[in-house]
Amino acid sequence: MATLSEAKLGAGGRETKFFVDILTQNSAGNWVLCLPTRLRDFQDELEVLLGRAFTGRPRCQENLELAQQLTLNWCISKCKKQGLTLEECLRADH
């Protein structure tokens, strides 16, 4: 399962991790997006991109993994375009 993750040192030198499942598959085989709050306004853009790349392709584990990687890369890029670090994008969700 693809996740956005960010690690940092918290109080006392402990590592704090944030994880967000960004693209999963439900029991019916449909893909489900769960974007960080700061990226949800752009979800339509990502859905169009995924549609262009995967419409007409078989629903198999390999294509799900490719879609998850594409989604992860898109999220990182979109955070950067907003002038935010990945941690800042995720912070609103935690």
PDB file of N, CA and C in Angstrom:
ATOM      1  N   MET A   1       0.843  -1.170   0.000  1.00  0.00           N
ATOM      2  CA  MET A   1       0.000   0.000   0.000  1.00  0.00           C
ATOM      3  C   MET A   1       0.891   1.237   0.000  1.00  0.00           C
ATOM      4  N   ALA A   2       0.671   2.134  -0.906  1.00  0.00           N
ATOM      5  CA  ALA A   2       1.491   3.350  -0.989  1.00  0.00           C
ATOM      6  C   ALA A   2       1.114   4.308   0.127  1.00  0.00           C
ATOM      7  N   THR A   3       2.104   4.883   0.731  1.00  0.00           N
ATOM      8  CA  THR A   3       1.857   5.868   1.774  1.00  0.00           C
ATOM      9  C   THR A   3       2.754   7.060   1.570  1.00  0.00           C
ATOM     10  N   LEU A   4       2.263   8.203   1.995  1.00  0.00           N
ATOM     11  CA  LEU A   4       3.112   9.370   2.152  1.00  0.00           C
ATOM     12  C   LEU A   4       3.622   9.267   3.570  1.00  0.00           C
ATOM     13  N   SER A   5       4.894   9.413   3.770  1.00  0.00           N
ATOM     14  CA  SER A   5       5.392   9.351   5.137  1.00  0.00           C
ATOM     15  C   SER A   5       6.445  10.415   5.341  1.00  0.00           C
ATOM     16  N   GLU A   6       6.561  10.851   6.559  1.00  0.00           N
ATOM     17  CA  GLU A   6       7.554  11.855   6.923  1.00  0.00           C
ATOM     18  C   GLU A   6       8.024  11.512   8.323  1.00  0.00           C
ATOM     19  N   ALA A   7       9.313  11.522   8.522  1.00  0.00           N
ATOM     20  CA  ALA A   7       9.858  11.241   9.842  1.00  0.00           C
ATOM     21  C   ALA A   7      10.617  12.467  10.324  1.00  0.00           C
ATOM     22  N   LYS A   8      10.530  12.733  11.607  1.00  0.00           N
ATOM     23  CA  LYS A   8      11.286  13.824  12.192  1.00  0.00           C
ATOM     24  C   LYS A   8      11.570  13.471  13.639  1.00  0.00           C
ATOM     25  N   LEU A   9      12.522  14.137  14.229  1.00  0.00           N
ATOM     26  CA  LEU A   9      12.807  13.907  15.629  1.00  0.00           C
ATOM     27  C   LEU A   9      11.858  14.735  16.471  1.00  0.00           C
ATOM     28  N   GLY A  10      11.154  14.071  17.351  1.00  0.00           N
ATOM     29  CA  GLY A  10      10.230  14.753  18.241  1.00  0.00           C
ATOM     30  C   GLY A  10      10.900  15.041  19.570  1.00  0.00           C
ATOM     31  N   ALA A  11      10.106  15.394  20.545  1.00  0.00           N
ATOM     32  CA  ALA A  11      10.616  15.694  21.880  1.00  0.00           C
ATOM     33  C   ALA A  11      11.366  14.487  22.421  1.00  0.00           C
ATOM     34  N   GLY A  12      12.496  14.731  23.036  1.00  0.00           N
ATOM     35  CA  GLY A  12      13.286  13.652  23.613  1.00  0.00           C
ATOM     36  C   GLY A  12      14.048  12.851  22.580  1.00  0.00           C
ATOM     37  N   GLY A  13      14.128  13.349  21.345  1.00  0.00           N
ATOM     38  CA  GLY A  13      14.897  12.657  20.311  1.00  0.00           C
ATOM     39  C   GLY A  13      14.175  11.466  19.707  1.00  0.00           C
ATOM     40  N   ARG A  14      12.911  11.268  20.057  1.00  0.00           N
ATOM     41  CA  ARG A  14      12.149  10.162  19.479  1.00  0.00           C
ATOM     42  C   ARG A  14      11.709  10.531  18.070  1.00  0.00           C
ATOM     43  N   GLU A  15      11.667   9.529  17.216  1.00  0.00           N
ATOM     44  CA  GLU A  15      11.241   9.763  15.839  1.00  0.00           C
ATOM     45  C   GLU A  15       9.725   9.699  15.768  1.00  0.00           C
ATOM     46  N   THR A  16       9.113  10.702  15.155  1.00  0.00           N
ATOM     47  CA  THR A  16       7.677  10.733  14.941  1.00  0.00           C
ATOM     48  C   THR A  16       7.428  10.485  13.467  1.00  0.00           C
ATOM     49  N   LYS A  17       6.502   9.605  13.142  1.00  0.00           N
ATOM     50  CA  LYS A  17       6.192   9.308  11.743  1.00  0.00           C
ATOM     51  C   LYS A  17       4.733   9.606  11.460  1.00  0.00           C
ATOM     52  N   PHE A  18       4.497  10.139  10.287  1.00  0.00           N
ATOM     53  CA  PHE A  18       3.147  10.391   9.814  1.00  0.00           C
ATOM     54  C   PHE A  18       2.934   9.510   8.588  1.00  0.00           C
ATOM     55  N   PHE A  19       1.818   8.834   8.535  1.00  0.00           N
ATOM     56  CA  PHE A  19       1.509   8.003   7.381  1.00  0.00           C
ATOM     57  C   PHE A  19       0.104   8.323   6.894  1.00  0.00           C
ATOM     58  N   VAL A  20      -0.046   8.408   5.626  1.00  0.00           N
ATOM     59  CA  VAL A  20      -1.351   8.641   5.025  1.00  0.00           C
ATOM     60  C   VAL A  20      -1.496   7.659   3.869  1.00  0.00           C
ATOM     61  N   ASP A  21      -2.485   6.787   3.939  1.00  0.00           N
ATOM     62  CA  ASP A  21      -2.769   5.901   2.810  1.00  0.00           C
ATOM     63  C   ASP A  21      -3.418   6.758   1.736  1.00  0.00           C
ATOM     64  N   ILE A  22      -2.773   6.862   0.593  1.00  0.00           N
ATOM     65  CA  ILE A  22      -3.269   7.787  -0.416  1.00  0.00           C
ATOM     66  C   ILE A  22      -4.079   7.127  -1.523  1.00  0.00           C
ATOM     67  N   LEU A  23      -3.805   5.873  -1.819  1.00  0.00           N
ATOM     68  CA  LEU A  23      -4.576   5.166  -2.836  1.00  0.00           C
ATOM     69  C   LEU A  23      -4.680   3.712  -2.414  1.00  0.00           C
ATOM     70  N   THR A  24      -5.904   3.282  -2.185  1.00  0.00           N
ATOM     71  CA  THR A  24      -6.152   1.910  -1.779  1.00  0.00           C
ATOM     72  C   THR A  24      -7.178   1.299  -2.717  1.00  0.00           C
ATOM     73  N   GLN A  25      -7.413   0.021  -2.547  1.00  0.00           N
ATOM     74  CA  GLN A  25      -8.416  -0.664  -3.350  1.00  0.00           C
ATOM     75  C   GLN A  25      -9.458  -1.236  -2.398  1.00  0.00           C
ATOM     76  N   ASN A  26     -10.739  -0.943  -2.668  1.00  0.00           N
ATOM     77  CA  ASN A  26     -11.790  -1.462  -1.793  1.00  0.00           C
ATOM     78  C   ASN A  26     -12.155  -2.893  -2.191  1.00  0.00           C
ATOM     79  N   SER A  27     -13.076  -3.485  -1.449  1.00  0.00           N
ATOM     80  CA  SER A  27     -13.437  -4.886  -1.673  1.00  0.00           C
ATOM     81  C   SER A  27     -14.087  -5.123  -3.038  1.00  0.00           C
ATOM     82  N   ALA A  28     -14.639  -4.069  -3.642  1.00  0.00           N
ATOM     83  CA  ALA A  28     -15.235  -4.191  -4.975  1.00  0.00           C
ATOM     84  C   ALA A  28     -14.193  -4.035  -6.082  1.00  0.00           C
ATOM     85  N   GLY A  29     -12.946  -3.762  -5.703  1.00  0.00           N
ATOM     86  CA  GLY A  29     -11.883  -3.606  -6.693  1.00  0.00           C
ATOM     87  C   GLY A  29     -11.697  -2.189  -7.189  1.00  0.00           C
ATOM     88  N   ASN A  30     -12.448  -1.237  -6.636  1.00  0.00           N
ATOM     89  CA  ASN A  30     -12.326   0.166  -7.049  1.00  0.00           C
ATOM     90  C   ASN A  30     -11.210   0.852  -6.269  1.00  0.00           C
ATOM     91  N   TRP A  31     -10.542   1.777  -6.921  1.00  0.00           N
ATOM     92  CA  TRP A  31      -9.495   2.540  -6.260  1.00  0.00           C
ATOM     93  C   TRP A  31     -10.122   3.682  -5.479  1.00  0.00           C
ATOM     94  N   VAL A  32      -9.577   3.922  -4.295  1.00  0.00           N
ATOM     95  CA  VAL A  32     -10.104   4.949  -3.409  1.00  0.00           C
ATOM     96  C   VAL A  32      -8.974   5.890  -3.011  1.00  0.00           C
ATOM     97  N   LEU A  33      -9.146   7.181  -3.307  1.00  0.00           N
ATOM     98  CA  LEU A  33      -8.150   8.190  -2.938  1.00  0.00           C
ATOM     99  C   LEU A  33      -8.463   8.767  -1.565  1.00  0.00           C
ATOM    100  N   CYS A  34      -7.418   8.993  -0.803  1.00  0.00           N
ATOM    101  CA  CYS A  34      -7.542   9.667   0.488  1.00  0.00           C
ATOM    102  C   CYS A  34      -6.342  10.609   0.596  1.00  0.00           C
ATOM    103  N   LEU A  35      -6.515  11.798   0.035  1.00  0.00           N
ATOM    104  CA  LEU A  35      -5.420  12.759  -0.026  1.00  0.00           C
ATOM    105  C   LEU A  35      -5.292  13.546   1.269  1.00  0.00           C
ATOM    106  N   PRO A  36      -4.085  14.031   1.553  1.00  0.00           N
ATOM    107  CA  PRO A  36      -3.928  14.951   2.684  1.00  0.00           C
ATOM    108  C   PRO A  36      -4.848  16.160   2.475  1.00  0.00           C
ATOM    109  N   THR A  37      -5.327  16.726   3.562  1.00  0.00           N
ATOM    110  CA  THR A  37      -6.289  17.830   3.521  1.00  0.00           C
ATOM    111  C   THR A  37      -5.853  18.944   2.574  1.00  0.00           C
ATOM    112  N   ARG A  38      -4.600  19.323   2.623  1.00  0.00           N
ATOM    113  CA  ARG A  38      -4.118  20.449   1.802  1.00  0.00           C
ATOM    114  C   ARG A  38      -4.095  20.154   0.309  1.00  0.00           C
ATOM    115  N   LEU A  39      -4.265  18.898  -0.064  1.00  0.00           N
ATOM    116  CA  LEU A  39      -4.247  18.546  -1.488  1.00  0.00           C
ATOM    117  C   LEU A  39      -5.635  18.181  -2.021  1.00  0.00           C
ATOM    118  N   ARG A  40      -6.629  18.119  -1.169  1.00  0.00           N
ATOM    119  CA  ARG A  40      -7.957  17.663  -1.595  1.00  0.00           C
ATOM    120  C   ARG A  40      -8.609  18.566  -2.635  1.00  0.00           C
ATOM    121  N   ASP A  41      -8.286  19.850  -2.622  1.00  0.00           N
ATOM    122  CA  ASP A  41      -8.848  20.754  -3.631  1.00  0.00           C
ATOM    123  C   ASP A  41      -8.376  20.399  -5.038  1.00  0.00           C
ATOM    124  N   PHE A  42      -7.307  19.631  -5.135  1.00  0.00           N
ATOM    125  CA  PHE A  42      -6.722  19.268  -6.424  1.00  0.00           C
ATOM    126  C   PHE A  42      -7.031  17.824  -6.815  1.00  0.00           C
ATOM    127  N   GLN A  43      -7.929  17.157  -6.078  1.00  0.00           N
ATOM    128  CA  GLN A  43      -8.199  15.740  -6.317  1.00  0.00           C
ATOM    129  C   GLN A  43      -8.696  15.466  -7.734  1.00  0.00           C
ATOM    130  N   ASP A  44      -9.526  16.366  -8.272  1.00  0.00           N
ATOM    131  CA  ASP A  44     -10.027  16.168  -9.637  1.00  0.00           C
ATOM    132  C   ASP A  44      -8.883  16.056 -10.637  1.00  0.00           C
ATOM    133  N   GLU A  45      -7.855  16.879 -10.451  1.00  0.00           N
ATOM    134  CA  GLU A  45      -6.685  16.854 -11.332  1.00  0.00           C
ATOM    135  C   GLU A  45      -6.006  15.487 -11.297  1.00  0.00           C
ATOM    136  N   LEU A  46      -5.856  14.931 -10.113  1.00  0.00           N
ATOM    137  CA  LEU A  46      -5.224  13.617  -9.971  1.00  0.00           C
ATOM    138  C   LEU A  46      -6.110  12.521 -10.561  1.00  0.00           C
ATOM    139  N   GLU A  47      -7.407  12.612 -10.352  1.00  0.00           N
ATOM    140  CA  GLU A  47      -8.320  11.615 -10.906  1.00  0.00           C
ATOM    141  C   GLU A  47      -8.262  11.587 -12.433  1.00  0.00           C
ATOM    142  N   VAL A  48      -8.170  12.761 -13.054  1.00  0.00           N
ATOM    143  CA  VAL A  48      -8.042  12.831 -14.516  1.00  0.00           C
ATOM    144  C   VAL A  48      -6.736  12.172 -14.953  1.00  0.00           C
ATOM    145  N   LEU A  49      -5.656  12.472 -14.268  1.00  0.00           N
ATOM    146  CA  LEU A  49      -4.354  11.884 -14.588  1.00  0.00           C
ATOM    147  C   LEU A  49      -4.400  10.363 -14.476  1.00  0.00           C
ATOM    148  N   LEU A  50      -4.959   9.862 -13.389  1.00  0.00           N
ATOM    149  CA  LEU A  50      -5.069   8.408 -13.214  1.00  0.00           C
ATOM    150  C   LEU A  50      -5.967   7.795 -14.287  1.00  0.00           C
ATOM    151  N   GLY A  51      -7.042   8.485 -14.624  1.00  0.00           N
ATOM    152  CA  GLY A  51      -7.938   7.991 -15.665  1.00  0.00           C
ATOM    153  C   GLY A  51      -7.248   7.873 -17.012  1.00  0.00           C
ATOM    154  N   ARG A  52      -6.476   8.887 -17.354  1.00  0.00           N
ATOM    155  CA  ARG A  52      -5.744   8.855 -18.630  1.00  0.00           C
ATOM    156  C   ARG A  52      -4.743   7.708 -18.667  1.00  0.00           C
ATOM    157  N   ALA A  53      -4.097   7.472 -17.553  1.00  0.00           N
ATOM    158  CA  ALA A  53      -3.049   6.454 -17.508  1.00  0.00           C
ATOM    159  C   ALA A  53      -3.598   5.025 -17.419  1.00  0.00           C
ATOM    160  N   PHE A  54      -4.760   4.843 -16.778  1.00  0.00           N
ATOM    161  CA  PHE A  54      -5.182   3.478 -16.469  1.00  0.00           C
ATOM    162  C   PHE A  54      -6.533   3.047 -17.028  1.00  0.00           C
ATOM    163  N   THR A  55      -7.263   3.934 -17.706  1.00  0.00           N
ATOM    164  CA  THR A  55      -8.528   3.527 -18.308  1.00  0.00           C
ATOM    165  C   THR A  55      -8.261   2.464 -19.370  1.00  0.00           C
ATOM    166  N   GLY A  56      -9.031   1.392 -19.316  1.00  0.00           N
ATOM    167  CA  GLY A  56      -8.882   0.313 -20.292  1.00  0.00           C
ATOM    168  C   GLY A  56      -7.804  -0.696 -19.932  1.00  0.00           C
ATOM    169  N   ARG A  57      -7.138  -0.484 -18.847  1.00  0.00           N
ATOM    170  CA  ARG A  57      -6.095  -1.421 -18.414  1.00  0.00           C
ATOM    171  C   ARG A  57      -6.683  -2.382 -17.371  1.00  0.00           C
ATOM    172  N   PRO A  58      -6.128  -3.572 -17.306  1.00  0.00           N
ATOM    173  CA  PRO A  58      -6.665  -4.547 -16.343  1.00  0.00           C
ATOM    174  C   PRO A  58      -6.474  -4.095 -14.896  1.00  0.00           C
ATOM    175  N   ARG A  59      -7.411  -4.491 -14.054  1.00  0.00           N
ATOM    176  CA  ARG A  59      -7.316  -4.201 -12.617  1.00  0.00           C
ATOM    177  C   ARG A  59      -6.507  -5.315 -11.969  1.00  0.00           C
ATOM    178  N   CYS A  60      -5.212  -5.121 -11.953  1.00  0.00           N
ATOM    179  CA  CYS A  60      -4.324  -6.120 -11.366  1.00  0.00           C
ATOM    180  C   CYS A  60      -3.426  -5.437 -10.336  1.00  0.00           C
ATOM    181  N   GLN A  61      -2.770  -6.233  -9.529  1.00  0.00           N
ATOM    182  CA  GLN A  61      -1.919  -5.699  -8.470  1.00  0.00           C
ATOM    183  C   GLN A  61      -0.810  -4.813  -9.034  1.00  0.00           C
ATOM    184  N   GLU A  62      -0.251  -5.206 -10.161  1.00  0.00           N
ATOM    185  CA  GLU A  62       0.838  -4.427 -10.762  1.00  0.00           C
ATOM    186  C   GLU A  62       0.363  -3.021 -11.143  1.00  0.00           C
ATOM    187  N   ASN A  63      -0.825  -2.910 -11.736  1.00  0.00           N
ATOM    188  CA  ASN A  63      -1.342  -1.593 -12.112  1.00  0.00           C
ATOM    189  C   ASN A  63      -1.716  -0.767 -10.888  1.00  0.00           C
ATOM    190  N   LEU A  64      -2.224  -1.413  -9.846  1.00  0.00           N
ATOM    191  CA  LEU A  64      -2.502  -0.696  -8.603  1.00  0.00           C
ATOM    192  C   LEU A  64      -1.208  -0.106  -8.041  1.00  0.00           C
ATOM    193  N   GLU A  65      -0.153  -0.901  -8.025  1.00  0.00           N
ATOM    194  CA  GLU A  65       1.126  -0.415  -7.507  1.00  0.00           C
ATOM    195  C   GLU A  65       1.677   0.734  -8.346  1.00  0.00           C
ATOM    196  N   LEU A  66       1.521   0.665  -9.663  1.00  0.00           N
ATOM    197  CA  LEU A  66       1.952   1.769 -10.530  1.00  0.00           C
ATOM    198  C   LEU A  66       1.122   3.024 -10.253  1.00  0.00           C
ATOM    199  N   ALA A  67      -0.175   2.854 -10.074  1.00  0.00           N
ATOM    200  CA  ALA A  67      -1.049   3.995  -9.760  1.00  0.00           C
ATOM    201  C   ALA A  67      -0.693   4.590  -8.402  1.00  0.00           C
ATOM    202  N   GLN A  68      -0.351   3.756  -7.440  1.00  0.00           N
ATOM    203  CA  GLN A  68       0.050   4.252  -6.124  1.00  0.00           C
ATOM    204  C   GLN A  68       1.335   5.065  -6.226  1.00  0.00           C
ATOM    205  N   GLN A  69       2.286   4.598  -7.027  1.00  0.00           N
ATOM    206  CA  GLN A  69       3.535   5.349  -7.181  1.00  0.00           C
ATOM    207  C   GLN A  69       3.283   6.671  -7.897  1.00  0.00           C
ATOM    208  N   LEU A  70       2.453   6.654  -8.934  1.00  0.00           N
ATOM    209  CA  LEU A  70       2.096   7.886  -9.632  1.00  0.00           C
ATOM    210  C   LEU A  70       1.426   8.863  -8.670  1.00  0.00           C
ATOM    211  N   THR A  71       0.534   8.377  -7.842  1.00  0.00           N
ATOM    212  CA  THR A  71      -0.171   9.216  -6.872  1.00  0.00           C
ATOM    213  C   THR A  71       0.801   9.804  -5.859  1.00  0.00           C
ATOM    214  N   LEU A  72       1.698   8.996  -5.362  1.00  0.00           N
ATOM    215  CA  LEU A  72       2.706   9.471  -4.411  1.00  0.00           C
ATOM    216  C   LEU A  72       3.563  10.571  -5.028  1.00  0.00           C
ATOM    217  N   ASN A  73       4.037  10.358  -6.242  1.00  0.00           N
ATOM    218  CA  ASN A  73       4.855  11.364  -6.931  1.00  0.00           C
ATOM    219  C   ASN A  73       4.061  12.646  -7.166  1.00  0.00           C
ATOM    220  N   TRP A  74       2.799  12.512  -7.555  1.00  0.00           N
ATOM    221  CA  TRP A  74       1.945  13.679  -7.787  1.00  0.00           C
ATOM    222  C   TRP A  74       1.786  14.478  -6.500  1.00  0.00           C
ATOM    223  N   CYS A  75       1.559  13.801  -5.386  1.00  0.00           N
ATOM    224  CA  CYS A  75       1.387  14.484  -4.098  1.00  0.00           C
ATOM    225  C   CYS A  75       2.644  15.261  -3.703  1.00  0.00           C
ATOM    226  N   ILE A  76       3.779  14.646  -3.847  1.00  0.00           N
ATOM    227  CA  ILE A  76       5.040  15.316  -3.506  1.00  0.00           C
ATOM    228  C   ILE A  76       5.234  16.542  -4.386  1.00  0.00           C
ATOM    229  N   SER A  77       4.983  16.386  -5.681  1.00  0.00           N
ATOM    230  CA  SER A  77       5.122  17.505  -6.617  1.00  0.00           C
ATOM    231  C   SER A  77       4.147  18.632  -6.300  1.00  0.00           C
ATOM    232  N   LYS A  78       2.910  18.284  -5.995  1.00  0.00           N
ATOM    233  CA  LYS A  78       1.891  19.296  -5.703  1.00  0.00           C
ATOM    234  C   LYS A  78       2.242  20.061  -4.425  1.00  0.00           C
ATOM    235  N   CYS A  79       2.776  19.382  -3.428  1.00  0.00           N
ATOM    236  CA  CYS A  79       3.223  20.068  -2.202  1.00  0.00           C
ATOM    237  C   CYS A  79       4.307  21.086  -2.538  1.00  0.00           C
ATOM    238  N   LYS A  80       5.275  20.666  -3.332  1.00  0.00           N
ATOM    239  CA  LYS A  80       6.379  21.558  -3.707  1.00  0.00           C
ATOM    240  C   LYS A  80       5.867  22.762  -4.487  1.00  0.00           C
ATOM    241  N   LYS A  81       4.915  22.552  -5.398  1.00  0.00           N
ATOM    242  CA  LYS A  81       4.362  23.661  -6.184  1.00  0.00           C
ATOM    243  C   LYS A  81       3.646  24.682  -5.308  1.00  0.00           C
ATOM    244  N   GLN A  82       3.140  24.236  -4.171  1.00  0.00           N
ATOM    245  CA  GLN A  82       2.487  25.142  -3.232  1.00  0.00           C
ATOM    246  C   GLN A  82       3.484  25.784  -2.278  1.00  0.00           C
ATOM    247  N   GLY A  83       4.768  25.464  -2.448  1.00  0.00           N
ATOM    248  CA  GLY A  83       5.795  26.026  -1.584  1.00  0.00           C
ATOM    249  C   GLY A  83       5.818  25.391  -0.205  1.00  0.00           C
ATOM    250  N   LEU A  84       5.302  24.168  -0.115  1.00  0.00           N
ATOM    251  CA  LEU A  84       5.233  23.467   1.158  1.00  0.00           C
ATOM    252  C   LEU A  84       6.135  22.238   1.140  1.00  0.00           C
ATOM    253  N   THR A  85       6.621  21.899   2.301  1.00  0.00           N
ATOM    254  CA  THR A  85       7.325  20.636   2.414  1.00  0.00           C
ATOM    255  C   THR A  85       6.288  19.533   2.554  1.00  0.00           C
ATOM    256  N   LEU A  86       6.712  18.316   2.369  1.00  0.00           N
ATOM    257  CA  LEU A  86       5.809  17.194   2.545  1.00  0.00           C
ATOM    258  C   LEU A  86       5.266  17.178   3.973  1.00  0.00           C
ATOM    259  N   GLU A  87       6.114  17.475   4.930  1.00  0.00           N
ATOM    260  CA  GLU A  87       5.684  17.509   6.322  1.00  0.00           C
ATOM    261  C   GLU A  87       4.576  18.550   6.546  1.00  0.00           C
ATOM    262  N   GLU A  88       4.715  19.719   5.924  1.00  0.00           N
ATOM    263  CA  GLU A  88       3.687  20.751   6.065  1.00  0.00           C
ATOM    264  C   GLU A  88       2.365  20.310   5.449  1.00  0.00           C
ATOM    265  N   CYS A  89       2.428  19.609   4.331  1.00  0.00           N
ATOM    266  CA  CYS A  89       1.203  19.101   3.714  1.00  0.00           C
ATOM    267  C   CYS A  89       0.515  18.098   4.611  1.00  0.00           C
ATOM    268  N   LEU A  90       1.276  17.271   5.277  1.00  0.00           N
ATOM    269  CA  LEU A  90       0.722  16.227   6.130  1.00  0.00           C
ATOM    270  C   LEU A  90       0.282  16.741   7.478  1.00  0.00           C
ATOM    271  N   ARG A  91       0.909  17.803   7.948  1.00  0.00           N
ATOM    272  CA  ARG A  91       0.666  18.301   9.311  1.00  0.00           C
ATOM    273  C   ARG A  91      -0.806  18.592   9.574  1.00  0.00           C
ATOM    274  N   ALA A  92      -1.517  19.110   8.601  1.00  0.00           N
ATOM    275  CA  ALA A  92      -2.929  19.456   8.792  1.00  0.00           C
ATOM    276  C   ALA A  92      -3.777  18.233   9.102  1.00  0.00           C
ATOM    277  N   ASP A  93      -3.309  17.052   8.728  1.00  0.00           N
ATOM    278  CA  ASP A  93      -4.075  15.829   8.954  1.00  0.00           C
ATOM    279  C   ASP A  93      -3.819  15.189  10.305  1.00  0.00           C
ATOM    280  N   HIS A  94      -2.859  15.712  11.058  1.00  0.00           N
ATOM    281  CA  HIS A  94      -2.492  15.065  12.325  1.00  0.00           C
ATOM    282  C   HIS A  94      -2.532  16.028  13.465  1.00  0.00           C
TER     283      HIS A  94
END
